[in-house]
Amino acid sequence: AYYPCFKTLFKNVVTALAEARDITLYLNPLTRHFQQLEDTEFSESKVLLKPLMHVVCLIWSNSMYYCHSAKLIVLLRQICNLIIQQAKRFLDPSSIFHSDIDEAMQRISLSIQILKYFRTVYDEYKDNIAPFFKDRPVVNWTFHPNAVFERFNAFLERLFTIQWFFNTVIEFLKLEKVEIGGLKGRALSARITGVSVEFNQCFSCLRPRRTTCWIRTIPRSR
């Protein structure tokens, strides 16, 4: 009576062991790429993204057990989470509003550039997956990108909002140097000065607050 159950259990264990060995064999090379991404300054991490995606494609095309959309989606989400984590560390959300405006703008713009580049790299490899399959039928990535990039896109949109905000700040700061001549120059200059003072008061209320709420509202992908 116990033999059929034991036979089934033994078969399941052997299958699971083979799957674990296969996945370990092909996922281990990612360790070095993840470590490099964590150890490298985010501003210099752009060159690491293509090699990382190349290894992901090798896993997809060679692993018998990892060539499934559900598993790849989880892996790509974790890569997105790592990139977001590194971007947050580079931006330092708790102090970004206390930084020099021009410096903060540079960090925001560079972060946006790197995130957009990663999405471009993803699309390139997704559209050119066929060369990775040499001795077996091609298996394309048929899942919707939102399954991978929902949090990534939300984070990128947040950066666009912050970029717009800092651009607005820069434009308002220019008002401090505006002087208008002519008959109505004094009155117009006074109005512009009033707008500038009002803006500086509002902005000064924001800057003392060390907050990361603009990051925390984006739930982590799993």
N, C-alpha and C. Protein backbone atom coordinates (compact mmCIF):
# COMPACT_ATOMS: atom_id res chain seq x y z
N ALA A 1 0.83 -1.20 0.00
CA ALA A 1 0.00 0.00 0.00
C ALA A 1 0.87 1.26 0.00
N TYR A 2 2.04 1.16 0.61
CA TYR A 2 2.91 2.32 0.70
C TYR A 2 3.78 2.52 -0.54
N TYR A 3 3.92 1.44 -1.32
CA TYR A 3 4.84 1.51 -2.45
C TYR A 3 4.46 2.58 -3.47
N PRO A 4 3.18 2.67 -3.93
CA PRO A 4 2.82 3.70 -4.91
C PRO A 4 3.10 5.12 -4.39
N CYS A 5 2.80 5.34 -3.11
CA CYS A 5 3.04 6.68 -2.54
C CYS A 5 4.53 6.99 -2.49
N PHE A 6 5.32 5.99 -2.06
CA PHE A 6 6.76 6.18 -2.00
C PHE A 6 7.35 6.39 -3.39
N LYS A 7 6.83 5.65 -4.37
CA LYS A 7 7.30 5.79 -5.75
C LYS A 7 7.03 7.19 -6.28
N THR A 8 5.82 7.69 -6.00
CA THR A 8 5.46 9.04 -6.44
C THR A 8 6.32 10.08 -5.74
N LEU A 9 6.52 9.89 -4.43
CA LEU A 9 7.35 10.83 -3.67
C LEU A 9 8.78 10.84 -4.20
N PHE A 10 9.33 9.65 -4.44
CA PHE A 10 10.69 9.55 -4.95
C PHE A 10 10.82 10.24 -6.31
N LYS A 11 9.85 10.02 -7.17
CA LYS A 11 9.85 10.63 -8.50
C LYS A 11 9.81 12.16 -8.40
N ASN A 12 8.96 12.67 -7.49
CA ASN A 12 8.84 14.12 -7.31
C ASN A 12 10.14 14.73 -6.78
N VAL A 13 10.79 14.01 -5.85
CA VAL A 13 12.05 14.50 -5.29
C VAL A 13 13.14 14.55 -6.36
N VAL A 14 13.22 13.50 -7.17
CA VAL A 14 14.23 13.46 -8.23
C VAL A 14 13.99 14.59 -9.24
N THR A 15 12.72 14.80 -9.59
CA THR A 15 12.37 15.87 -10.53
C THR A 15 12.73 17.24 -9.95
N ALA A 16 12.38 17.44 -8.68
CA ALA A 16 12.67 18.72 -8.02
C ALA A 16 14.18 18.96 -7.91
N LEU A 17 14.92 17.88 -7.63
CA LEU A 17 16.37 18.00 -7.53
C LEU A 17 16.99 18.38 -8.87
N ALA A 18 16.52 17.75 -9.94
CA ALA A 18 17.01 18.08 -11.27
C ALA A 18 16.70 19.53 -11.63
N GLU A 19 15.50 19.97 -11.27
CA GLU A 19 15.11 21.36 -11.54
C GLU A 19 15.98 22.33 -10.74
N ALA A 20 16.22 22.01 -9.46
CA ALA A 20 17.04 22.89 -8.62
C ALA A 20 18.46 22.99 -9.15
N ARG A 21 19.02 21.87 -9.58
CA ARG A 21 20.37 21.88 -10.12
C ARG A 21 20.45 22.70 -11.40
N ASP A 22 19.45 22.55 -12.25
CA ASP A 22 19.43 23.30 -13.51
C ASP A 22 19.34 24.80 -13.25
N ILE A 23 18.44 25.18 -12.37
CA ILE A 23 18.24 26.60 -12.07
C ILE A 23 19.49 27.19 -11.41
N THR A 24 20.08 26.45 -10.47
CA THR A 24 21.29 26.93 -9.80
C THR A 24 22.43 27.11 -10.80
N LEU A 25 22.56 26.15 -11.71
CA LEU A 25 23.62 26.22 -12.71
C LEU A 25 23.53 27.49 -13.54
N TYR A 26 22.32 27.86 -13.95
CA TYR A 26 22.17 28.99 -14.86
C TYR A 26 21.98 30.33 -14.15
N LEU A 27 21.53 30.29 -12.89
CA LEU A 27 21.35 31.55 -12.16
C LEU A 27 22.63 32.02 -11.48
N ASN A 28 23.53 31.10 -11.18
CA ASN A 28 24.77 31.48 -10.50
C ASN A 28 25.55 32.59 -11.21
N PRO A 29 25.65 32.58 -12.54
CA PRO A 29 26.38 33.67 -13.22
C PRO A 29 25.82 35.06 -12.96
N LEU A 30 24.54 35.13 -12.56
CA LEU A 30 23.95 36.44 -12.29
C LEU A 30 24.52 37.08 -11.02
N THR A 31 25.02 36.24 -10.12
CA THR A 31 25.52 36.75 -8.84
C THR A 31 26.58 37.83 -9.05
N ARG A 32 27.51 37.56 -9.93
CA ARG A 32 28.59 38.53 -10.19
C ARG A 32 28.05 39.84 -10.75
N HIS A 33 27.05 39.76 -11.62
CA HIS A 33 26.48 40.97 -12.22
C HIS A 33 25.69 41.78 -11.18
N PHE A 34 24.96 41.08 -10.32
CA PHE A 34 24.24 41.79 -9.26
C PHE A 34 25.22 42.48 -8.31
N GLN A 35 26.30 41.79 -7.98
CA GLN A 35 27.29 42.36 -7.07
C GLN A 35 27.94 43.59 -7.69
N GLN A 36 28.25 43.51 -8.97
CA GLN A 36 28.85 44.67 -9.65
C GLN A 36 27.89 45.86 -9.64
N LEU A 37 26.62 45.58 -9.87
CA LEU A 37 25.62 46.65 -9.89
C LEU A 37 25.49 47.30 -8.52
N GLU A 38 25.57 46.49 -7.47
CA GLU A 38 25.47 47.03 -6.11
C GLU A 38 26.72 47.81 -5.71
N ASP A 39 27.87 47.36 -6.19
CA ASP A 39 29.14 47.98 -5.78
C ASP A 39 29.52 49.20 -6.61
N THR A 40 28.89 49.37 -7.76
CA THR A 40 29.23 50.46 -8.66
C THR A 40 28.36 51.68 -8.39
N GLU A 41 28.96 52.84 -8.43
CA GLU A 41 28.18 54.08 -8.31
C GLU A 41 27.12 54.09 -9.40
N PHE A 42 25.89 54.42 -9.00
CA PHE A 42 24.78 54.34 -9.94
C PHE A 42 25.02 55.18 -11.19
N SER A 43 25.67 56.30 -11.03
CA SER A 43 25.94 57.18 -12.17
C SER A 43 26.84 56.51 -13.21
N GLU A 44 27.55 55.45 -12.80
CA GLU A 44 28.46 54.75 -13.71
C GLU A 44 27.97 53.34 -14.06
N SER A 45 26.74 53.03 -13.72
CA SER A 45 26.24 51.66 -13.86
C SER A 45 25.64 51.35 -15.23
N LYS A 46 25.57 52.34 -16.08
CA LYS A 46 24.93 52.14 -17.39
C LYS A 46 25.58 51.02 -18.18
N VAL A 47 26.89 50.92 -18.13
CA VAL A 47 27.62 49.91 -18.92
C VAL A 47 27.37 48.50 -18.41
N LEU A 48 26.79 48.35 -17.23
CA LEU A 48 26.57 47.02 -16.66
C LEU A 48 25.24 46.41 -17.08
N LEU A 49 24.36 47.21 -17.67
CA LEU A 49 23.00 46.75 -17.91
C LEU A 49 22.89 45.79 -19.09
N LYS A 50 23.62 46.04 -20.15
CA LYS A 50 23.57 45.12 -21.30
C LYS A 50 24.13 43.74 -20.95
N PRO A 51 25.30 43.65 -20.32
CA PRO A 51 25.79 42.32 -19.92
C PRO A 51 24.82 41.58 -19.02
N LEU A 52 24.16 42.32 -18.13
CA LEU A 52 23.18 41.70 -17.24
C LEU A 52 22.03 41.10 -18.03
N MET A 53 21.47 41.85 -18.96
CA MET A 53 20.36 41.34 -19.76
C MET A 53 20.81 40.22 -20.68
N HIS A 54 22.05 40.24 -21.11
CA HIS A 54 22.58 39.17 -21.96
C HIS A 54 22.56 37.84 -21.19
N VAL A 55 22.95 37.88 -19.92
CA VAL A 55 22.93 36.67 -19.10
C VAL A 55 21.50 36.20 -18.88
N VAL A 56 20.58 37.13 -18.67
CA VAL A 56 19.17 36.77 -18.51
C VAL A 56 18.67 36.01 -19.75
N CYS A 57 19.04 36.49 -20.91
CA CYS A 57 18.62 35.82 -22.15
C CYS A 57 19.27 34.45 -22.29
N LEU A 58 20.50 34.30 -21.85
CA LEU A 58 21.15 32.99 -21.87
C LEU A 58 20.43 32.01 -20.94
N ILE A 59 20.00 32.50 -19.80
CA ILE A 59 19.23 31.66 -18.88
C ILE A 59 17.93 31.22 -19.54
N TRP A 60 17.24 32.16 -20.15
CA TRP A 60 15.96 31.87 -20.81
C TRP A 60 16.13 30.83 -21.91
N SER A 61 17.18 30.91 -22.65
CA SER A 61 17.35 30.04 -23.82
C SER A 61 17.99 28.69 -23.50
N ASN A 62 18.64 28.58 -22.34
CA ASN A 62 19.37 27.34 -22.04
C ASN A 62 18.79 26.54 -20.88
N SER A 63 18.16 27.20 -19.93
CA SER A 63 17.62 26.49 -18.78
C SER A 63 16.31 25.79 -19.14
N MET A 64 16.27 24.49 -18.90
CA MET A 64 15.08 23.72 -19.22
C MET A 64 13.91 24.12 -18.33
N TYR A 65 14.21 24.48 -17.09
CA TYR A 65 13.15 24.73 -16.11
C TYR A 65 12.87 26.22 -15.91
N TYR A 66 13.74 27.09 -16.42
CA TYR A 66 13.54 28.53 -16.20
C TYR A 66 13.00 29.23 -17.44
N CYS A 67 12.70 28.48 -18.47
CA CYS A 67 12.15 29.07 -19.69
C CYS A 67 10.64 29.15 -19.59
N HIS A 68 10.17 29.84 -18.54
CA HIS A 68 8.74 30.02 -18.29
C HIS A 68 8.50 31.48 -17.94
N SER A 69 7.43 32.03 -18.48
CA SER A 69 7.15 33.46 -18.29
C SER A 69 7.06 33.84 -16.82
N ALA A 70 6.37 33.01 -16.02
CA ALA A 70 6.16 33.35 -14.62
C ALA A 70 7.48 33.51 -13.88
N LYS A 71 8.43 32.61 -14.14
CA LYS A 71 9.72 32.67 -13.46
C LYS A 71 10.56 33.85 -13.96
N LEU A 72 10.51 34.09 -15.26
CA LEU A 72 11.30 35.20 -15.81
C LEU A 72 10.75 36.54 -15.33
N ILE A 73 9.44 36.65 -15.23
CA ILE A 73 8.83 37.90 -14.74
C ILE A 73 9.33 38.22 -13.34
N VAL A 74 9.37 37.20 -12.48
CA VAL A 74 9.86 37.42 -11.11
C VAL A 74 11.32 37.88 -11.13
N LEU A 75 12.13 37.24 -11.96
CA LEU A 75 13.55 37.61 -12.05
C LEU A 75 13.71 39.05 -12.54
N LEU A 76 12.99 39.42 -13.58
CA LEU A 76 13.10 40.77 -14.13
C LEU A 76 12.57 41.82 -13.15
N ARG A 77 11.53 41.46 -12.39
CA ARG A 77 11.04 42.39 -11.37
C ARG A 77 12.11 42.65 -10.31
N GLN A 78 12.80 41.60 -9.92
CA GLN A 78 13.85 41.77 -8.92
C GLN A 78 15.00 42.61 -9.45
N ILE A 79 15.30 42.47 -10.73
CA ILE A 79 16.33 43.32 -11.34
C ILE A 79 15.87 44.77 -11.32
N CYS A 80 14.61 45.00 -11.65
CA CYS A 80 14.05 46.37 -11.59
C CYS A 80 14.13 46.91 -10.17
N ASN A 81 13.80 46.07 -9.19
CA ASN A 81 13.88 46.50 -7.79
C ASN A 81 15.30 46.90 -7.41
N LEU A 82 16.27 46.13 -7.90
CA LEU A 82 17.67 46.44 -7.60
C LEU A 82 18.08 47.77 -8.23
N ILE A 83 17.66 48.01 -9.45
CA ILE A 83 17.99 49.27 -10.13
C ILE A 83 17.34 50.44 -9.40
N ILE A 84 16.09 50.27 -8.99
CA ILE A 84 15.41 51.32 -8.24
C ILE A 84 16.13 51.58 -6.92
N GLN A 85 16.52 50.51 -6.24
CA GLN A 85 17.25 50.65 -4.98
C GLN A 85 18.54 51.45 -5.16
N GLN A 86 19.27 51.15 -6.22
CA GLN A 86 20.52 51.86 -6.48
C GLN A 86 20.26 53.33 -6.85
N ALA A 87 19.20 53.56 -7.59
CA ALA A 87 18.84 54.94 -7.94
C ALA A 87 18.47 55.74 -6.70
N LYS A 88 17.70 55.13 -5.80
CA LYS A 88 17.31 55.79 -4.56
C LYS A 88 18.53 56.14 -3.72
N ARG A 89 19.47 55.20 -3.66
CA ARG A 89 20.70 55.45 -2.89
C ARG A 89 21.48 56.62 -3.50
N PHE A 90 21.51 56.68 -4.81
CA PHE A 90 22.22 57.75 -5.52
C PHE A 90 21.54 59.10 -5.31
N LEU A 91 20.21 59.09 -5.32
CA LEU A 91 19.45 60.34 -5.20
C LEU A 91 19.36 60.81 -3.75
N ASP A 92 19.39 59.88 -2.80
CA ASP A 92 19.24 60.20 -1.38
C ASP A 92 17.96 61.01 -1.16
N PRO A 93 16.80 60.34 -1.21
CA PRO A 93 15.50 61.03 -1.14
C PRO A 93 15.34 61.92 0.09
N SER A 94 15.97 61.56 1.21
CA SER A 94 15.78 62.34 2.43
C SER A 94 16.44 63.71 2.38
N SER A 95 17.37 63.91 1.45
CA SER A 95 18.10 65.18 1.42
C SER A 95 18.06 65.87 0.06
N ILE A 96 17.34 65.30 -0.89
CA ILE A 96 17.40 65.85 -2.25
C ILE A 96 16.87 67.27 -2.32
N PHE A 97 15.89 67.60 -1.46
CA PHE A 97 15.34 68.95 -1.47
C PHE A 97 16.22 69.93 -0.69
N HIS A 98 17.26 69.41 -0.06
CA HIS A 98 18.19 70.27 0.67
C HIS A 98 19.47 70.50 -0.13
N SER A 99 19.59 69.81 -1.25
CA SER A 99 20.79 69.93 -2.07
C SER A 99 20.74 71.20 -2.92
N ASP A 100 21.88 71.53 -3.48
CA ASP A 100 21.92 72.59 -4.47
C ASP A 100 21.01 72.20 -5.64
N ILE A 101 20.19 73.14 -6.11
CA ILE A 101 19.19 72.83 -7.12
C ILE A 101 19.83 72.27 -8.39
N ASP A 102 20.89 72.88 -8.84
CA ASP A 102 21.54 72.41 -10.07
C ASP A 102 22.11 71.00 -9.88
N GLU A 103 22.68 70.74 -8.72
CA GLU A 103 23.23 69.41 -8.45
C GLU A 103 22.11 68.37 -8.39
N ALA A 104 21.01 68.73 -7.73
CA ALA A 104 19.88 67.81 -7.64
C ALA A 104 19.31 67.52 -9.02
N MET A 105 19.24 68.54 -9.86
CA MET A 105 18.74 68.35 -11.22
C MET A 105 19.63 67.40 -12.01
N GLN A 106 20.92 67.52 -11.83
CA GLN A 106 21.86 66.64 -12.53
C GLN A 106 21.66 65.19 -12.10
N ARG A 107 21.47 64.98 -10.80
CA ARG A 107 21.27 63.62 -10.31
C ARG A 107 19.95 63.03 -10.81
N ILE A 108 18.90 63.85 -10.79
CA ILE A 108 17.60 63.39 -11.28
C ILE A 108 17.68 63.06 -12.76
N SER A 109 18.26 63.95 -13.54
CA SER A 109 18.34 63.75 -15.00
C SER A 109 19.16 62.51 -15.34
N LEU A 110 20.27 62.31 -14.63
CA LEU A 110 21.11 61.14 -14.89
C LEU A 110 20.38 59.85 -14.52
N SER A 111 19.64 59.88 -13.42
CA SER A 111 18.87 58.70 -13.01
C SER A 111 17.81 58.36 -14.05
N ILE A 112 17.11 59.37 -14.54
CA ILE A 112 16.11 59.16 -15.58
C ILE A 112 16.76 58.56 -16.83
N GLN A 113 17.90 59.09 -17.19
CA GLN A 113 18.61 58.60 -18.38
C GLN A 113 18.97 57.12 -18.24
N ILE A 114 19.46 56.72 -17.08
CA ILE A 114 19.87 55.33 -16.87
C ILE A 114 18.65 54.41 -16.84
N LEU A 115 17.58 54.83 -16.20
CA LEU A 115 16.37 54.01 -16.15
C LEU A 115 15.77 53.83 -17.55
N LYS A 116 15.72 54.90 -18.31
CA LYS A 116 15.21 54.80 -19.68
C LYS A 116 16.10 53.91 -20.53
N TYR A 117 17.39 53.98 -20.28
CA TYR A 117 18.32 53.13 -21.04
C TYR A 117 18.08 51.66 -20.73
N PHE A 118 17.83 51.33 -19.47
CA PHE A 118 17.56 49.93 -19.13
C PHE A 118 16.32 49.43 -19.84
N ARG A 119 15.29 50.27 -19.91
CA ARG A 119 14.07 49.85 -20.62
C ARG A 119 14.37 49.64 -22.10
N THR A 120 15.22 50.48 -22.68
CA THR A 120 15.61 50.32 -24.08
C THR A 120 16.38 49.01 -24.28
N VAL A 121 17.28 48.71 -23.36
CA VAL A 121 18.04 47.46 -23.43
C VAL A 121 17.10 46.26 -23.35
N TYR A 122 16.14 46.34 -22.44
CA TYR A 122 15.16 45.25 -22.32
C TYR A 122 14.43 45.03 -23.64
N ASP A 123 13.96 46.11 -24.25
CA ASP A 123 13.23 45.99 -25.52
C ASP A 123 14.11 45.42 -26.63
N GLU A 124 15.37 45.82 -26.65
CA GLU A 124 16.29 45.31 -27.67
C GLU A 124 16.47 43.80 -27.55
N TYR A 125 16.69 43.33 -26.35
CA TYR A 125 16.89 41.89 -26.16
C TYR A 125 15.59 41.12 -26.35
N LYS A 126 14.49 41.70 -25.95
CA LYS A 126 13.19 41.04 -26.15
C LYS A 126 12.91 40.83 -27.63
N ASP A 127 13.22 41.83 -28.44
CA ASP A 127 12.96 41.76 -29.88
C ASP A 127 14.00 40.94 -30.63
N ASN A 128 15.11 40.63 -29.99
CA ASN A 128 16.19 39.89 -30.65
C ASN A 128 16.58 38.65 -29.85
N ILE A 129 15.57 37.95 -29.36
CA ILE A 129 15.82 36.77 -28.54
C ILE A 129 16.19 35.55 -29.38
N ALA A 130 15.82 35.55 -30.66
CA ALA A 130 16.00 34.37 -31.52
C ALA A 130 17.45 33.87 -31.60
N PRO A 131 18.45 34.74 -31.74
CA PRO A 131 19.84 34.25 -31.85
C PRO A 131 20.32 33.45 -30.64
N PHE A 132 19.66 33.59 -29.51
CA PHE A 132 20.07 32.84 -28.32
C PHE A 132 19.64 31.37 -28.40
N PHE A 133 18.68 31.07 -29.28
CA PHE A 133 18.20 29.69 -29.44
C PHE A 133 18.86 29.10 -30.68
N LYS A 134 19.87 28.28 -30.47
CA LYS A 134 20.63 27.73 -31.60
C LYS A 134 20.21 26.31 -31.96
N ASP A 135 19.88 25.51 -30.96
CA ASP A 135 19.57 24.10 -31.21
C ASP A 135 18.16 23.72 -30.78
N ARG A 136 17.32 24.71 -30.59
CA ARG A 136 15.94 24.43 -30.16
C ARG A 136 15.03 25.53 -30.67
N PRO A 137 13.72 25.26 -30.72
CA PRO A 137 12.77 26.27 -31.21
C PRO A 137 12.81 27.54 -30.35
N VAL A 138 12.62 28.66 -31.00
CA VAL A 138 12.65 29.95 -30.30
C VAL A 138 11.42 30.10 -29.41
N VAL A 139 11.64 30.54 -28.19
CA VAL A 139 10.54 30.85 -27.26
C VAL A 139 10.61 32.34 -26.96
N ASN A 140 9.65 33.09 -27.46
CA ASN A 140 9.65 34.55 -27.28
C ASN A 140 9.07 34.94 -25.93
N TRP A 141 9.33 36.18 -25.55
CA TRP A 141 8.73 36.74 -24.34
C TRP A 141 7.36 37.28 -24.72
N THR A 142 6.33 36.56 -24.37
CA THR A 142 4.97 36.92 -24.78
C THR A 142 4.20 37.68 -23.71
N PHE A 143 4.77 37.79 -22.52
CA PHE A 143 4.06 38.48 -21.44
C PHE A 143 4.10 39.99 -21.66
N HIS A 144 3.11 40.68 -21.08
CA HIS A 144 3.03 42.14 -21.22
C HIS A 144 4.12 42.81 -20.38
N PRO A 145 4.77 43.84 -20.92
CA PRO A 145 5.83 44.53 -20.16
C PRO A 145 5.38 45.05 -18.80
N ASN A 146 4.08 45.39 -18.67
CA ASN A 146 3.60 45.90 -17.39
C ASN A 146 3.75 44.87 -16.27
N ALA A 147 3.79 43.59 -16.65
CA ALA A 147 3.98 42.55 -15.64
C ALA A 147 5.35 42.68 -14.98
N VAL A 148 6.28 43.29 -15.67
CA VAL A 148 7.64 43.48 -15.17
C VAL A 148 7.86 44.90 -14.67
N PHE A 149 7.36 45.89 -15.41
CA PHE A 149 7.78 47.28 -15.22
C PHE A 149 6.76 48.16 -14.50
N GLU A 150 5.77 47.60 -13.86
CA GLU A 150 4.75 48.44 -13.22
C GLU A 150 5.37 49.37 -12.17
N ARG A 151 6.14 48.80 -11.25
CA ARG A 151 6.78 49.63 -10.22
C ARG A 151 7.88 50.50 -10.82
N PHE A 152 8.63 49.94 -11.75
CA PHE A 152 9.70 50.66 -12.43
C PHE A 152 9.14 51.91 -13.11
N ASN A 153 8.03 51.76 -13.82
CA ASN A 153 7.42 52.90 -14.52
C ASN A 153 6.89 53.93 -13.53
N ALA A 154 6.31 53.46 -12.42
CA ALA A 154 5.81 54.39 -11.41
C ALA A 154 6.96 55.21 -10.82
N PHE A 155 8.08 54.56 -10.57
CA PHE A 155 9.26 55.25 -10.04
C PHE A 155 9.78 56.26 -11.06
N LEU A 156 9.82 55.86 -12.32
CA LEU A 156 10.30 56.76 -13.37
C LEU A 156 9.39 57.98 -13.51
N GLU A 157 8.08 57.75 -13.44
CA GLU A 157 7.14 58.87 -13.49
C GLU A 157 7.34 59.82 -12.32
N ARG A 158 7.65 59.26 -11.16
CA ARG A 158 7.92 60.10 -9.99
C ARG A 158 9.15 60.97 -10.22
N LEU A 159 10.16 60.40 -10.85
CA LEU A 159 11.36 61.18 -11.16
C LEU A 159 11.06 62.29 -12.16
N PHE A 160 10.21 62.00 -13.14
CA PHE A 160 9.81 63.04 -14.09
C PHE A 160 9.11 64.19 -13.36
N THR A 161 8.28 63.85 -12.37
CA THR A 161 7.58 64.87 -11.59
C THR A 161 8.57 65.73 -10.81
N ILE A 162 9.55 65.08 -10.17
CA ILE A 162 10.56 65.82 -9.42
C ILE A 162 11.40 66.68 -10.36
N GLN A 163 11.70 66.15 -11.54
CA GLN A 163 12.46 66.93 -12.53
C GLN A 163 11.67 68.17 -12.94
N TRP A 164 10.38 68.00 -13.19
CA TRP A 164 9.53 69.14 -13.54
C TRP A 164 9.51 70.15 -12.40
N PHE A 165 9.44 69.66 -11.16
CA PHE A 165 9.41 70.53 -10.00
C PHE A 165 10.68 71.38 -9.92
N PHE A 166 11.83 70.74 -10.08
CA PHE A 166 13.09 71.47 -10.00
C PHE A 166 13.26 72.45 -11.16
N ASN A 167 12.77 72.08 -12.33
CA ASN A 167 12.78 73.02 -13.45
C ASN A 167 11.95 74.26 -13.12
N THR A 168 10.81 74.03 -12.46
CA THR A 168 9.95 75.15 -12.05
C THR A 168 10.66 76.02 -11.02
N VAL A 169 11.35 75.38 -10.08
CA VAL A 169 12.10 76.12 -9.07
C VAL A 169 13.16 77.00 -9.73
N ILE A 170 13.88 76.44 -10.68
CA ILE A 170 14.93 77.20 -11.37
C ILE A 170 14.35 78.41 -12.07
N GLU A 171 13.19 78.24 -12.71
CA GLU A 171 12.56 79.37 -13.41
C GLU A 171 12.13 80.45 -12.44
N PHE A 172 11.58 80.05 -11.29
CA PHE A 172 11.16 81.05 -10.30
C PHE A 172 12.35 81.76 -9.68
N LEU A 173 13.46 81.05 -9.51
CA LEU A 173 14.65 81.69 -8.94
C LEU A 173 15.21 82.77 -9.85
N LYS A 174 14.93 82.66 -11.13
CA LYS A 174 15.39 83.67 -12.08
C LYS A 174 14.69 85.01 -11.85
N LEU A 175 13.53 84.98 -11.20
CA LEU A 175 12.78 86.22 -10.96
C LEU A 175 13.55 87.18 -10.06
N GLU A 176 14.44 86.63 -9.21
CA GLU A 176 15.19 87.49 -8.29
C GLU A 176 16.08 88.48 -9.03
N LYS A 177 16.44 88.15 -10.25
CA LYS A 177 17.37 89.00 -11.01
C LYS A 177 16.68 89.83 -12.09
N VAL A 178 15.36 89.75 -12.15
CA VAL A 178 14.63 90.47 -13.19
C VAL A 178 14.45 91.94 -12.80
N GLU A 179 14.81 92.83 -13.69
CA GLU A 179 14.58 94.26 -13.51
C GLU A 179 13.96 94.81 -14.78
N ILE A 180 12.87 95.55 -14.63
CA ILE A 180 12.14 96.08 -15.78
C ILE A 180 12.24 97.60 -15.78
N GLY A 181 12.62 98.14 -16.92
CA GLY A 181 12.72 99.59 -17.04
C GLY A 181 11.44 100.18 -17.61
N GLY A 182 11.49 101.45 -17.94
CA GLY A 182 10.33 102.12 -18.53
C GLY A 182 9.45 102.77 -17.49
N LEU A 183 8.34 103.35 -17.96
CA LEU A 183 7.44 104.10 -17.09
C LEU A 183 6.81 103.22 -16.02
N LYS A 184 6.46 101.99 -16.40
CA LYS A 184 5.81 101.10 -15.44
C LYS A 184 6.78 100.07 -14.86
N GLY A 185 8.06 100.28 -15.12
CA GLY A 185 9.05 99.31 -14.69
C GLY A 185 9.07 99.07 -13.20
N ARG A 186 8.98 100.16 -12.41
CA ARG A 186 9.06 100.00 -10.97
C ARG A 186 7.89 99.17 -10.45
N ALA A 187 6.69 99.46 -10.96
CA ALA A 187 5.50 98.73 -10.50
C ALA A 187 5.57 97.26 -10.90
N LEU A 188 5.98 97.01 -12.15
CA LEU A 188 6.07 95.63 -12.62
C LEU A 188 7.16 94.87 -11.87
N SER A 189 8.28 95.55 -11.62
CA SER A 189 9.37 94.91 -10.88
C SER A 189 8.93 94.55 -9.46
N ALA A 190 8.12 95.44 -8.87
CA ALA A 190 7.62 95.18 -7.52
C ALA A 190 6.71 93.95 -7.50
N ARG A 191 5.88 93.81 -8.54
CA ARG A 191 4.99 92.65 -8.62
C ARG A 191 5.79 91.36 -8.80
N ILE A 192 6.81 91.43 -9.63
CA ILE A 192 7.66 90.25 -9.85
C ILE A 192 8.39 89.89 -8.56
N THR A 193 8.88 90.91 -7.86
CA THR A 193 9.55 90.66 -6.58
C THR A 193 8.61 90.00 -5.59
N GLY A 194 7.35 90.46 -5.60
CA GLY A 194 6.34 89.87 -4.71
C GLY A 194 6.11 88.39 -5.01
N VAL A 195 6.03 88.07 -6.30
CA VAL A 195 5.87 86.66 -6.70
C VAL A 195 7.07 85.84 -6.25
N SER A 196 8.27 86.41 -6.43
CA SER A 196 9.50 85.71 -6.05
C SER A 196 9.55 85.47 -4.55
N VAL A 197 9.19 86.48 -3.77
CA VAL A 197 9.20 86.34 -2.31
C VAL A 197 8.19 85.29 -1.87
N GLU A 198 7.00 85.31 -2.47
CA GLU A 198 5.97 84.33 -2.11
C GLU A 198 6.43 82.91 -2.43
N PHE A 199 7.06 82.75 -3.58
CA PHE A 199 7.56 81.43 -3.95
C PHE A 199 8.64 80.96 -2.97
N ASN A 200 9.58 81.85 -2.65
CA ASN A 200 10.66 81.48 -1.73
C ASN A 200 10.12 81.08 -0.36
N GLN A 201 9.05 81.74 0.07
CA GLN A 201 8.44 81.39 1.35
C GLN A 201 7.85 79.98 1.29
N CYS A 202 7.15 79.69 0.19
CA CYS A 202 6.56 78.35 0.03
C CYS A 202 7.64 77.28 -0.07
N PHE A 203 8.68 77.59 -0.82
CA PHE A 203 9.75 76.61 -1.02
C PHE A 203 10.53 76.38 0.27
N SER A 204 10.70 77.44 1.07
CA SER A 204 11.42 77.31 2.33
C SER A 204 10.65 76.45 3.33
N CYS A 205 9.32 76.40 3.18
CA CYS A 205 8.51 75.54 4.05
C CYS A 205 8.72 74.07 3.70
N LEU A 206 9.00 73.80 2.44
CA LEU A 206 9.20 72.43 1.98
C LEU A 206 10.59 71.92 2.35
N ARG A 207 11.60 72.72 2.19
CA ARG A 207 12.99 72.27 2.30
C ARG A 207 13.37 71.74 3.69
N PRO A 208 12.87 72.32 4.80
CA PRO A 208 13.28 71.79 6.10
C PRO A 208 12.83 70.35 6.35
N ARG A 209 11.86 69.87 5.60
CA ARG A 209 11.32 68.54 5.84
C ARG A 209 12.16 67.48 5.13
N ARG A 210 12.79 66.67 5.91
CA ARG A 210 13.55 65.54 5.34
C ARG A 210 12.57 64.39 5.15
N THR A 211 12.12 64.20 3.94
CA THR A 211 11.08 63.21 3.69
C THR A 211 11.44 62.30 2.54
N THR A 212 10.97 61.07 2.64
CA THR A 212 11.13 60.11 1.54
C THR A 212 9.77 59.65 1.05
N CYS A 213 8.71 60.40 1.37
CA CYS A 213 7.36 59.97 1.02
C CYS A 213 7.17 59.84 -0.49
N TRP A 214 7.92 60.59 -1.27
CA TRP A 214 7.77 60.51 -2.72
C TRP A 214 8.30 59.19 -3.25
N ILE A 215 9.05 58.45 -2.42
CA ILE A 215 9.52 57.12 -2.78
C ILE A 215 8.66 56.05 -2.12
N ARG A 216 8.29 56.24 -0.88
CA ARG A 216 7.61 55.19 -0.11
C ARG A 216 6.26 54.80 -0.70
N THR A 217 5.61 55.69 -1.40
CA THR A 217 4.28 55.40 -1.92
C THR A 217 4.30 54.41 -3.07
N ILE A 218 5.49 54.02 -3.54
CA ILE A 218 5.59 53.06 -4.64
C ILE A 218 5.82 51.68 -4.05
N PRO A 219 4.81 50.78 -4.07
CA PRO A 219 4.99 49.45 -3.47
C PRO A 219 6.04 48.64 -4.18
N ARG A 220 6.71 47.79 -3.42
CA ARG A 220 7.79 46.97 -3.97
C ARG A 220 7.22 45.79 -4.73
N SER A 221 7.78 45.51 -5.91
CA SER A 221 7.36 44.36 -6.71
C SER A 221 7.88 43.08 -6.08
N ARG A 222 7.11 42.02 -6.24
CA ARG A 222 7.50 40.71 -5.68
C ARG A 222 7.56 39.68 -6.79
